Amino acid sequence: RGRRIGFIPQDPYLALNPVFTVGAQ
């Protein structure tokens, strides 16, 4: 998971944590 198989989730508005920068995530 995350290494040999990548995953693109459905909802771009829910998949990222709003309290951390994109770079940190």
mmCIF file of all heavy atoms, coordinates in Angstrom:
data_MODEL
# 
_entry.id   MODEL 
# 
loop_
_atom_site.group_PDB 
_atom_site.id 
_atom_site.type_symbol 
_atom_site.label_atom_id 
_atom_site.label_alt_id 
_atom_site.label_comp_id 
_atom_site.label_asym_id 
_atom_site.label_entity_id 
_atom_site.label_seq_id 
_atom_site.pdbx_PDB_ins_code 
_atom_site.Cartn_x 
_atom_site.Cartn_y 
_atom_site.Cartn_z 
_atom_site.occupancy 
_atom_site.B_iso_or_equiv 
_atom_site.pdbx_formal_charge 
_atom_site.auth_seq_id 
_atom_site.auth_comp_id 
_atom_site.auth_asym_id 
_atom_site.auth_atom_id 
_atom_site.pdbx_PDB_model_num 
ATOM 1   N N   . ARG A 1 1  ? 0.825   -1.208 0.000  1.00 0.00 ? 1  ARG A N   1 
ATOM 2   C CA  . ARG A 1 1  ? 0.000   0.000  0.000  1.00 0.00 ? 1  ARG A CA  1 
ATOM 3   C C   . ARG A 1 1  ? 0.863   1.263  0.000  1.00 0.00 ? 1  ARG A C   1 
ATOM 4   O O   . ARG A 1 1  ? 1.732   1.424  0.844  1.00 0.00 ? 1  ARG A O   1 
ATOM 5   C CB  . ARG A 1 1  ? -0.916  0.024  1.235  1.00 0.00 ? 1  ARG A CB  1 
ATOM 6   C CG  . ARG A 1 1  ? -2.058  -0.950 1.199  1.00 0.00 ? 1  ARG A CG  1 
ATOM 7   C CD  . ARG A 1 1  ? -3.078  -0.642 2.286  1.00 0.00 ? 1  ARG A CD  1 
ATOM 8   N NE  . ARG A 1 1  ? -2.538  -0.785 3.620  1.00 0.00 ? 1  ARG A NE  1 
ATOM 9   C CZ  . ARG A 1 1  ? -2.789  -1.812 4.426  1.00 0.00 ? 1  ARG A CZ  1 
ATOM 10  N NH1 . ARG A 1 1  ? -3.568  -2.797 4.023  1.00 0.00 ? 1  ARG A NH1 1 
ATOM 11  N NH2 . ARG A 1 1  ? -2.275  -1.860 5.636  1.00 0.00 ? 1  ARG A NH2 1 
ATOM 12  N N   . GLY A 1 2  ? 0.589   2.143  -0.946 1.00 0.00 ? 2  GLY A N   1 
ATOM 13  C CA  . GLY A 1 2  ? 1.311   3.411  -1.009 1.00 0.00 ? 2  GLY A CA  1 
ATOM 14  C C   . GLY A 1 2  ? 2.674   3.305  -1.648 1.00 0.00 ? 2  GLY A C   1 
ATOM 15  O O   . GLY A 1 2  ? 3.224   4.314  -2.087 1.00 0.00 ? 2  GLY A O   1 
ATOM 16  N N   . ARG A 1 3  ? 3.228   2.109  -1.691 1.00 0.00 ? 3  ARG A N   1 
ATOM 17  C CA  . ARG A 1 3  ? 4.560   1.933  -2.250 1.00 0.00 ? 3  ARG A CA  1 
ATOM 18  C C   . ARG A 1 3  ? 4.496   1.309  -3.638 1.00 0.00 ? 3  ARG A C   1 
ATOM 19  O O   . ARG A 1 3  ? 4.927   1.913  -4.616 1.00 0.00 ? 3  ARG A O   1 
ATOM 20  C CB  . ARG A 1 3  ? 5.419   1.071  -1.327 1.00 0.00 ? 3  ARG A CB  1 
ATOM 21  C CG  . ARG A 1 3  ? 6.865   0.921  -1.810 1.00 0.00 ? 3  ARG A CG  1 
ATOM 22  C CD  . ARG A 1 3  ? 7.741   0.355  -0.726 1.00 0.00 ? 3  ARG A CD  1 
ATOM 23  N NE  . ARG A 1 3  ? 9.145   0.357  -1.129 1.00 0.00 ? 3  ARG A NE  1 
ATOM 24  C CZ  . ARG A 1 3  ? 10.152  0.065  -0.335 1.00 0.00 ? 3  ARG A CZ  1 
ATOM 25  N NH1 . ARG A 1 3  ? 9.918   -0.239 0.932  1.00 0.00 ? 3  ARG A NH1 1 
ATOM 26  N NH2 . ARG A 1 3  ? 11.391  0.080  -0.776 1.00 0.00 ? 3  ARG A NH2 1 
ATOM 27  N N   . ARG A 1 4  ? 3.953   0.110  -3.748 1.00 0.00 ? 4  ARG A N   1 
ATOM 28  C CA  . ARG A 1 4  ? 3.841   -0.551 -5.052 1.00 0.00 ? 4  ARG A CA  1 
ATOM 29  C C   . ARG A 1 4  ? 2.453   -0.383 -5.655 1.00 0.00 ? 4  ARG A C   1 
ATOM 30  O O   . ARG A 1 4  ? 2.271   -0.554 -6.858 1.00 0.00 ? 4  ARG A O   1 
ATOM 31  C CB  . ARG A 1 4  ? 4.195   -2.027 -4.916 1.00 0.00 ? 4  ARG A CB  1 
ATOM 32  C CG  . ARG A 1 4  ? 5.660   -2.243 -4.520 1.00 0.00 ? 4  ARG A CG  1 
ATOM 33  C CD  . ARG A 1 4  ? 5.960   -3.687 -4.240 1.00 0.00 ? 4  ARG A CD  1 
ATOM 34  N NE  . ARG A 1 4  ? 5.724   -4.525 -5.409 1.00 0.00 ? 4  ARG A NE  1 
ATOM 35  C CZ  . ARG A 1 4  ? 5.621   -5.852 -5.355 1.00 0.00 ? 4  ARG A CZ  1 
ATOM 36  N NH1 . ARG A 1 4  ? 5.712   -6.484 -4.194 1.00 0.00 ? 4  ARG A NH1 1 
ATOM 37  N NH2 . ARG A 1 4  ? 5.405   -6.538 -6.464 1.00 0.00 ? 4  ARG A NH2 1 
ATOM 38  N N   . ILE A 1 5  ? 1.465   -0.091 -4.821 1.00 0.00 ? 5  ILE A N   1 
ATOM 39  C CA  . ILE A 1 5  ? 0.113   0.219  -5.303 1.00 0.00 ? 5  ILE A CA  1 
ATOM 40  C C   . ILE A 1 5  ? -0.270  1.597  -4.795 1.00 0.00 ? 5  ILE A C   1 
ATOM 41  O O   . ILE A 1 5  ? -0.343  1.829  -3.582 1.00 0.00 ? 5  ILE A O   1 
ATOM 42  C CB  . ILE A 1 5  ? -0.928  -0.812 -4.823 1.00 0.00 ? 5  ILE A CB  1 
ATOM 43  C CG1 . ILE A 1 5  ? -0.580  -2.214 -5.334 1.00 0.00 ? 5  ILE A CG1 1 
ATOM 44  C CG2 . ILE A 1 5  ? -2.327  -0.406 -5.305 1.00 0.00 ? 5  ILE A CG2 1 
ATOM 45  C CD1 . ILE A 1 5  ? -1.568  -3.285 -4.892 1.00 0.00 ? 5  ILE A CD1 1 
ATOM 46  N N   . GLY A 1 6  ? -0.494  2.531  -5.711 1.00 0.00 ? 6  GLY A N   1 
ATOM 47  C CA  . GLY A 1 6  ? -0.949  3.861  -5.354 1.00 0.00 ? 6  GLY A CA  1 
ATOM 48  C C   . GLY A 1 6  ? -2.465  3.940  -5.440 1.00 0.00 ? 6  GLY A C   1 
ATOM 49  O O   . GLY A 1 6  ? -3.102  3.169  -6.167 1.00 0.00 ? 6  GLY A O   1 
ATOM 50  N N   . PHE A 1 7  ? -3.047  4.884  -4.708 1.00 0.00 ? 7  PHE A N   1 
ATOM 51  C CA  . PHE A 1 7  ? -4.514  4.998  -4.651 1.00 0.00 ? 7  PHE A CA  1 
ATOM 52  C C   . PHE A 1 7  ? -4.934  6.446  -4.814 1.00 0.00 ? 7  PHE A C   1 
ATOM 53  O O   . PHE A 1 7  ? -4.419  7.338  -4.137 1.00 0.00 ? 7  PHE A O   1 
ATOM 54  C CB  . PHE A 1 7  ? -5.019  4.447  -3.319 1.00 0.00 ? 7  PHE A CB  1 
ATOM 55  C CG  . PHE A 1 7  ? -6.512  4.593  -3.133 1.00 0.00 ? 7  PHE A CG  1 
ATOM 56  C CD1 . PHE A 1 7  ? -7.394  3.987  -4.018 1.00 0.00 ? 7  PHE A CD1 1 
ATOM 57  C CD2 . PHE A 1 7  ? -7.013  5.326  -2.072 1.00 0.00 ? 7  PHE A CD2 1 
ATOM 58  C CE1 . PHE A 1 7  ? -8.770  4.121  -3.846 1.00 0.00 ? 7  PHE A CE1 1 
ATOM 59  C CE2 . PHE A 1 7  ? -8.388  5.469  -1.898 1.00 0.00 ? 7  PHE A CE2 1 
ATOM 60  C CZ  . PHE A 1 7  ? -9.262  4.857  -2.787 1.00 0.00 ? 7  PHE A CZ  1 
ATOM 61  N N   . ILE A 1 8  ? -5.878  6.672  -5.735 1.00 0.00 ? 8  ILE A N   1 
ATOM 62  C CA  . ILE A 1 8  ? -6.475  7.995  -5.937 1.00 0.00 ? 8  ILE A CA  1 
ATOM 63  C C   . ILE A 1 8  ? -7.918  7.923  -5.464 1.00 0.00 ? 8  ILE A C   1 
ATOM 64  O O   . ILE A 1 8  ? -8.743  7.249  -6.087 1.00 0.00 ? 8  ILE A O   1 
ATOM 65  C CB  . ILE A 1 8  ? -6.434  8.418  -7.415 1.00 0.00 ? 8  ILE A CB  1 
ATOM 66  C CG1 . ILE A 1 8  ? -5.013  8.341  -7.971 1.00 0.00 ? 8  ILE A CG1 1 
ATOM 67  C CG2 . ILE A 1 8  ? -6.994  9.836  -7.578 1.00 0.00 ? 8  ILE A CG2 1 
ATOM 68  C CD1 . ILE A 1 8  ? -4.943  8.557  -9.480 1.00 0.00 ? 8  ILE A CD1 1 
ATOM 69  N N   . PRO A 1 9  ? -8.268  8.570  -4.357 1.00 0.00 ? 9  PRO A N   1 
ATOM 70  C CA  . PRO A 1 9  ? -9.635  8.472  -3.828 1.00 0.00 ? 9  PRO A CA  1 
ATOM 71  C C   . PRO A 1 9  ? -10.627 9.299  -4.629 1.00 0.00 ? 9  PRO A C   1 
ATOM 72  O O   . PRO A 1 9  ? -10.261 10.098 -5.494 1.00 0.00 ? 9  PRO A O   1 
ATOM 73  C CB  . PRO A 1 9  ? -9.492  8.991  -2.395 1.00 0.00 ? 9  PRO A CB  1 
ATOM 74  C CG  . PRO A 1 9  ? -8.321  9.915  -2.453 1.00 0.00 ? 9  PRO A CG  1 
ATOM 75  C CD  . PRO A 1 9  ? -7.388  9.360  -3.488 1.00 0.00 ? 9  PRO A CD  1 
ATOM 76  N N   . GLN A 1 10 ? -11.890 9.114  -4.279 1.00 0.00 ? 10 GLN A N   1 
ATOM 77  C CA  . GLN A 1 10 ? -12.981 9.690  -5.056 1.00 0.00 ? 10 GLN A CA  1 
ATOM 78  C C   . GLN A 1 10 ? -13.140 11.188 -4.846 1.00 0.00 ? 10 GLN A C   1 
ATOM 79  O O   . GLN A 1 10 ? -13.325 11.925 -5.814 1.00 0.00 ? 10 GLN A O   1 
ATOM 80  C CB  . GLN A 1 10 ? -14.286 8.971  -4.684 1.00 0.00 ? 10 GLN A CB  1 
ATOM 81  C CG  . GLN A 1 10 ? -15.504 9.472  -5.418 1.00 0.00 ? 10 GLN A CG  1 
ATOM 82  C CD  . GLN A 1 10 ? -16.755 8.684  -5.057 1.00 0.00 ? 10 GLN A CD  1 
ATOM 83  O OE1 . GLN A 1 10 ? -17.786 9.243  -4.716 1.00 0.00 ? 10 GLN A OE1 1 
ATOM 84  N NE2 . GLN A 1 10 ? -16.662 7.381  -5.125 1.00 0.00 ? 10 GLN A NE2 1 
ATOM 85  N N   . ASP A 1 11 ? -13.123 11.643 -3.608 1.00 0.00 ? 11 ASP A N   1 
ATOM 86  C CA  . ASP A 1 11 ? -13.495 13.026 -3.311 1.00 0.00 ? 11 ASP A CA  1 
ATOM 87  C C   . ASP A 1 11 ? -12.269 13.861 -2.953 1.00 0.00 ? 11 ASP A C   1 
ATOM 88  O O   . ASP A 1 11 ? -11.701 13.697 -1.869 1.00 0.00 ? 11 ASP A O   1 
ATOM 89  C CB  . ASP A 1 11 ? -14.501 13.054 -2.150 1.00 0.00 ? 11 ASP A CB  1 
ATOM 90  C CG  . ASP A 1 11 ? -15.178 14.406 -2.009 1.00 0.00 ? 11 ASP A CG  1 
ATOM 91  O OD1 . ASP A 1 11 ? -14.584 15.422 -2.420 1.00 0.00 ? 11 ASP A OD1 1 
ATOM 92  O OD2 . ASP A 1 11 ? -16.310 14.453 -1.499 1.00 0.00 ? 11 ASP A OD2 1 
ATOM 93  N N   . PRO A 1 12 ? -11.864 14.767 -3.828 1.00 0.00 ? 12 PRO A N   1 
ATOM 94  C CA  . PRO A 1 12 ? -10.671 15.578 -3.535 1.00 0.00 ? 12 PRO A CA  1 
ATOM 95  C C   . PRO A 1 12 ? -10.884 16.556 -2.390 1.00 0.00 ? 12 PRO A C   1 
ATOM 96  O O   . PRO A 1 12 ? -9.921  17.081 -1.836 1.00 0.00 ? 12 PRO A O   1 
ATOM 97  C CB  . PRO A 1 12 ? -10.421 16.320 -4.852 1.00 0.00 ? 12 PRO A CB  1 
ATOM 98  C CG  . PRO A 1 12 ? -11.758 16.394 -5.509 1.00 0.00 ? 12 PRO A CG  1 
ATOM 99  C CD  . PRO A 1 12 ? -12.456 15.115 -5.130 1.00 0.00 ? 12 PRO A CD  1 
ATOM 100 N N   . TYR A 1 13 ? -12.155 16.798 -2.010 1.00 0.00 ? 13 TYR A N   1 
ATOM 101 C CA  . TYR A 1 13 ? -12.431 17.747 -0.935 1.00 0.00 ? 13 TYR A CA  1 
ATOM 102 C C   . TYR A 1 13 ? -12.330 17.103 0.446  1.00 0.00 ? 13 TYR A C   1 
ATOM 103 O O   . TYR A 1 13 ? -12.187 17.791 1.455  1.00 0.00 ? 13 TYR A O   1 
ATOM 104 C CB  . TYR A 1 13 ? -13.821 18.360 -1.116 1.00 0.00 ? 13 TYR A CB  1 
ATOM 105 C CG  . TYR A 1 13 ? -13.892 19.268 -2.326 1.00 0.00 ? 13 TYR A CG  1 
ATOM 106 C CD1 . TYR A 1 13 ? -14.333 18.774 -3.542 1.00 0.00 ? 13 TYR A CD1 1 
ATOM 107 C CD2 . TYR A 1 13 ? -13.491 20.592 -2.260 1.00 0.00 ? 13 TYR A CD2 1 
ATOM 108 C CE1 . TYR A 1 13 ? -14.383 19.590 -4.666 1.00 0.00 ? 13 TYR A CE1 1 
ATOM 109 C CE2 . TYR A 1 13 ? -13.532 21.419 -3.371 1.00 0.00 ? 13 TYR A CE2 1 
ATOM 110 C CZ  . TYR A 1 13 ? -13.978 20.906 -4.572 1.00 0.00 ? 13 TYR A CZ  1 
ATOM 111 O OH  . TYR A 1 13 ? -14.014 21.705 -5.679 1.00 0.00 ? 13 TYR A OH  1 
ATOM 112 N N   . LEU A 1 14 ? -12.430 15.766 0.513  1.00 0.00 ? 14 LEU A N   1 
ATOM 113 C CA  . LEU A 1 14 ? -12.385 15.072 1.797  1.00 0.00 ? 14 LEU A CA  1 
ATOM 114 C C   . LEU A 1 14 ? -11.069 14.343 2.043  1.00 0.00 ? 14 LEU A C   1 
ATOM 115 O O   . LEU A 1 14 ? -10.773 13.976 3.173  1.00 0.00 ? 14 LEU A O   1 
ATOM 116 C CB  . LEU A 1 14 ? -13.539 14.070 1.887  1.00 0.00 ? 14 LEU A CB  1 
ATOM 117 C CG  . LEU A 1 14 ? -14.958 14.644 1.837  1.00 0.00 ? 14 LEU A CG  1 
ATOM 118 C CD1 . LEU A 1 14 ? -15.984 13.514 1.895  1.00 0.00 ? 14 LEU A CD1 1 
ATOM 119 C CD2 . LEU A 1 14 ? -15.193 15.625 2.986  1.00 0.00 ? 14 LEU A CD2 1 
ATOM 120 N N   . ALA A 1 15 ? -10.299 14.114 0.992  1.00 0.00 ? 15 ALA A N   1 
ATOM 121 C CA  . ALA A 1 15 ? -9.129  13.241 1.110  1.00 0.00 ? 15 ALA A CA  1 
ATOM 122 C C   . ALA A 1 15 ? -7.915  13.924 1.735  1.00 0.00 ? 15 ALA A C   1 
ATOM 123 O O   . ALA A 1 15 ? -6.989  13.238 2.178  1.00 0.00 ? 15 ALA A O   1 
ATOM 124 C CB  . ALA A 1 15 ? -8.753  12.697 -0.265 1.00 0.00 ? 15 ALA A CB  1 
ATOM 125 N N   . LEU A 1 16 ? -7.894  15.262 1.769  1.00 0.00 ? 16 LEU A N   1 
ATOM 126 C CA  . LEU A 1 16 ? -6.751  15.983 2.328  1.00 0.00 ? 16 LEU A CA  1 
ATOM 127 C C   . LEU A 1 16 ? -7.137  16.609 3.662  1.00 0.00 ? 16 LEU A C   1 
ATOM 128 O O   . LEU A 1 16 ? -8.238  17.143 3.820  1.00 0.00 ? 16 LEU A O   1 
ATOM 129 C CB  . LEU A 1 16 ? -6.282  17.069 1.358  1.00 0.00 ? 16 LEU A CB  1 
ATOM 130 C CG  . LEU A 1 16 ? -5.682  16.563 0.040  1.00 0.00 ? 16 LEU A CG  1 
ATOM 131 C CD1 . LEU A 1 16 ? -5.562  17.697 -0.965 1.00 0.00 ? 16 LEU A CD1 1 
ATOM 132 C CD2 . LEU A 1 16 ? -4.326  15.911 0.279  1.00 0.00 ? 16 LEU A CD2 1 
ATOM 133 N N   . ASN A 1 17 ? -6.235  16.531 4.621  1.00 0.00 ? 17 ASN A N   1 
ATOM 134 C CA  . ASN A 1 17 ? -6.472  17.085 5.953  1.00 0.00 ? 17 ASN A CA  1 
ATOM 135 C C   . ASN A 1 17 ? -6.350  18.611 5.901  1.00 0.00 ? 17 ASN A C   1 
ATOM 136 O O   . ASN A 1 17 ? -5.300  19.132 5.504  1.00 0.00 ? 17 ASN A O   1 
ATOM 137 C CB  . ASN A 1 17 ? -5.460  16.509 6.941  1.00 0.00 ? 17 ASN A CB  1 
ATOM 138 C CG  . ASN A 1 17 ? -5.818  16.812 8.380  1.00 0.00 ? 17 ASN A CG  1 
ATOM 139 O OD1 . ASN A 1 17 ? -6.258  17.908 8.714  1.00 0.00 ? 17 ASN A OD1 1 
ATOM 140 N ND2 . ASN A 1 17 ? -5.619  15.830 9.250  1.00 0.00 ? 17 ASN A ND2 1 
ATOM 141 N N   . PRO A 1 18 ? -7.396  19.340 6.299  1.00 0.00 ? 18 PRO A N   1 
ATOM 142 C CA  . PRO A 1 18 ? -7.374  20.802 6.137  1.00 0.00 ? 18 PRO A CA  1 
ATOM 143 C C   . PRO A 1 18 ? -6.409  21.534 7.074  1.00 0.00 ? 18 PRO A C   1 
ATOM 144 O O   . PRO A 1 18 ? -6.103  22.709 6.835  1.00 0.00 ? 18 PRO A O   1 
ATOM 145 C CB  . PRO A 1 18 ? -8.823  21.207 6.440  1.00 0.00 ? 18 PRO A CB  1 
ATOM 146 C CG  . PRO A 1 18 ? -9.343  20.126 7.331  1.00 0.00 ? 18 PRO A CG  1 
ATOM 147 C CD  . PRO A 1 18 ? -8.682  18.873 6.857  1.00 0.00 ? 18 PRO A CD  1 
ATOM 148 N N   . VAL A 1 19 ? -5.916  20.882 8.128  1.00 0.00 ? 19 VAL A N   1 
ATOM 149 C CA  . VAL A 1 19 ? -5.097  21.598 9.115  1.00 0.00 ? 19 VAL A CA  1 
ATOM 150 C C   . VAL A 1 19 ? -3.596  21.464 8.866  1.00 0.00 ? 19 VAL A C   1 
ATOM 151 O O   . VAL A 1 19 ? -2.798  22.070 9.587  1.00 0.00 ? 19 VAL A O   1 
ATOM 152 C CB  . VAL A 1 19 ? -5.434  21.132 10.553 1.00 0.00 ? 19 VAL A CB  1 
ATOM 153 C CG1 . VAL A 1 19 ? -6.902  21.337 10.843 1.00 0.00 ? 19 VAL A CG1 1 
ATOM 154 C CG2 . VAL A 1 19 ? -5.038  19.684 10.777 1.00 0.00 ? 19 VAL A CG2 1 
ATOM 155 N N   . PHE A 1 20 ? -3.207  20.669 7.859  1.00 0.00 ? 20 PHE A N   1 
ATOM 156 C CA  . PHE A 1 20 ? -1.792  20.515 7.538  1.00 0.00 ? 20 PHE A CA  1 
ATOM 157 C C   . PHE A 1 20 ? -1.533  21.007 6.112  1.00 0.00 ? 20 PHE A C   1 
ATOM 158 O O   . PHE A 1 20 ? -2.397  20.909 5.241  1.00 0.00 ? 20 PHE A O   1 
ATOM 159 C CB  . PHE A 1 20 ? -1.350  19.055 7.656  1.00 0.00 ? 20 PHE A CB  1 
ATOM 160 C CG  . PHE A 1 20 ? -1.415  18.513 9.048  1.00 0.00 ? 20 PHE A CG  1 
ATOM 161 C CD1 . PHE A 1 20 ? -2.460  17.696 9.440  1.00 0.00 ? 20 PHE A CD1 1 
ATOM 162 C CD2 . PHE A 1 20 ? -0.429  18.829 9.971  1.00 0.00 ? 20 PHE A CD2 1 
ATOM 163 C CE1 . PHE A 1 20 ? -2.525  17.193 10.729 1.00 0.00 ? 20 PHE A CE1 1 
ATOM 164 C CE2 . PHE A 1 20 ? -0.486  18.328 11.259 1.00 0.00 ? 20 PHE A CE2 1 
ATOM 165 C CZ  . PHE A 1 20 ? -1.540  17.514 11.648 1.00 0.00 ? 20 PHE A CZ  1 
ATOM 166 N N   . THR A 1 21 ? -0.332  21.503 5.875  1.00 0.00 ? 21 THR A N   1 
ATOM 167 C CA  . THR A 1 21 ? 0.021   21.920 4.530  1.00 0.00 ? 21 THR A CA  1 
ATOM 168 C C   . THR A 1 21 ? 0.073   20.704 3.604  1.00 0.00 ? 21 THR A C   1 
ATOM 169 O O   . THR A 1 21 ? 0.248   19.560 4.044  1.00 0.00 ? 21 THR A O   1 
ATOM 170 C CB  . THR A 1 21 ? 1.390   22.620 4.489  1.00 0.00 ? 21 THR A CB  1 
ATOM 171 O OG1 . THR A 1 21 ? 2.401   21.681 4.853  1.00 0.00 ? 21 THR A OG1 1 
ATOM 172 C CG2 . THR A 1 21 ? 1.416   23.824 5.406  1.00 0.00 ? 21 THR A CG2 1 
ATOM 173 N N   . VAL A 1 22 ? -0.065  20.978 2.324  1.00 0.00 ? 22 VAL A N   1 
ATOM 174 C CA  . VAL A 1 22 ? 0.036   19.920 1.328  1.00 0.00 ? 22 VAL A CA  1 
ATOM 175 C C   . VAL A 1 22 ? 1.403   19.246 1.404  1.00 0.00 ? 22 VAL A C   1 
ATOM 176 O O   . VAL A 1 22 ? 1.523   18.019 1.343  1.00 0.00 ? 22 VAL A O   1 
ATOM 177 C CB  . VAL A 1 22 ? -0.212  20.500 -0.076 1.00 0.00 ? 22 VAL A CB  1 
ATOM 178 C CG1 . VAL A 1 22 ? 0.261   19.540 -1.154 1.00 0.00 ? 22 VAL A CG1 1 
ATOM 179 C CG2 . VAL A 1 22 ? -1.682  20.833 -0.257 1.00 0.00 ? 22 VAL A CG2 1 
ATOM 180 N N   . GLY A 1 23 ? 2.446   20.050 1.585  1.00 0.00 ? 23 GLY A N   1 
ATOM 181 C CA  . GLY A 1 23 ? 3.787   19.492 1.656  1.00 0.00 ? 23 GLY A CA  1 
ATOM 182 C C   . GLY A 1 23 ? 3.957   18.535 2.820  1.00 0.00 ? 23 GLY A C   1 
ATOM 183 O O   . GLY A 1 23 ? 4.581   17.478 2.682  1.00 0.00 ? 23 GLY A O   1 
ATOM 184 N N   . ALA A 1 24 ? 3.396   18.896 3.986  1.00 0.00 ? 24 ALA A N   1 
ATOM 185 C CA  . ALA A 1 24 ? 3.508   18.029 5.161  1.00 0.00 ? 24 ALA A CA  1 
ATOM 186 C C   . ALA A 1 24 ? 2.813   16.691 4.917  1.00 0.00 ? 24 ALA A C   1 
ATOM 187 O O   . ALA A 1 24 ? 3.320   15.629 5.303  1.00 0.00 ? 24 ALA A O   1 
ATOM 188 C CB  . ALA A 1 24 ? 2.912   18.723 6.376  1.00 0.00 ? 24 ALA A CB  1 
ATOM 189 N N   . GLN A 1 25 ? 1.664   16.732 4.248  1.00 0.00 ? 25 GLN A N   1 
ATOM 190 C CA  . GLN A 1 25 ? 0.919   15.500 4.003  1.00 0.00 ? 25 GLN A CA  1 
ATOM 191 C C   . GLN A 1 25 ? 1.607   14.611 2.969  1.00 0.00 ? 25 GLN A C   1 
ATOM 192 O O   . GLN A 1 25 ? 1.689   13.393 3.128  1.00 0.00 ? 25 GLN A O   1 
ATOM 193 C CB  . GLN A 1 25 ? -0.506  15.839 3.572  1.00 0.00 ? 25 GLN A CB  1 
ATOM 194 C CG  . GLN A 1 25 ? -1.283  16.545 4.676  1.00 0.00 ? 25 GLN A CG  1 
ATOM 195 C CD  . GLN A 1 25 ? -2.700  16.876 4.284  1.00 0.00 ? 25 GLN A CD  1 
ATOM 196 O OE1 . GLN A 1 25 ? -3.512  15.994 4.031  1.00 0.00 ? 25 GLN A OE1 1 
ATOM 197 N NE2 . GLN A 1 25 ? -3.015  18.171 4.249  1.00 0.00 ? 25 GLN A NE2 1 
# 
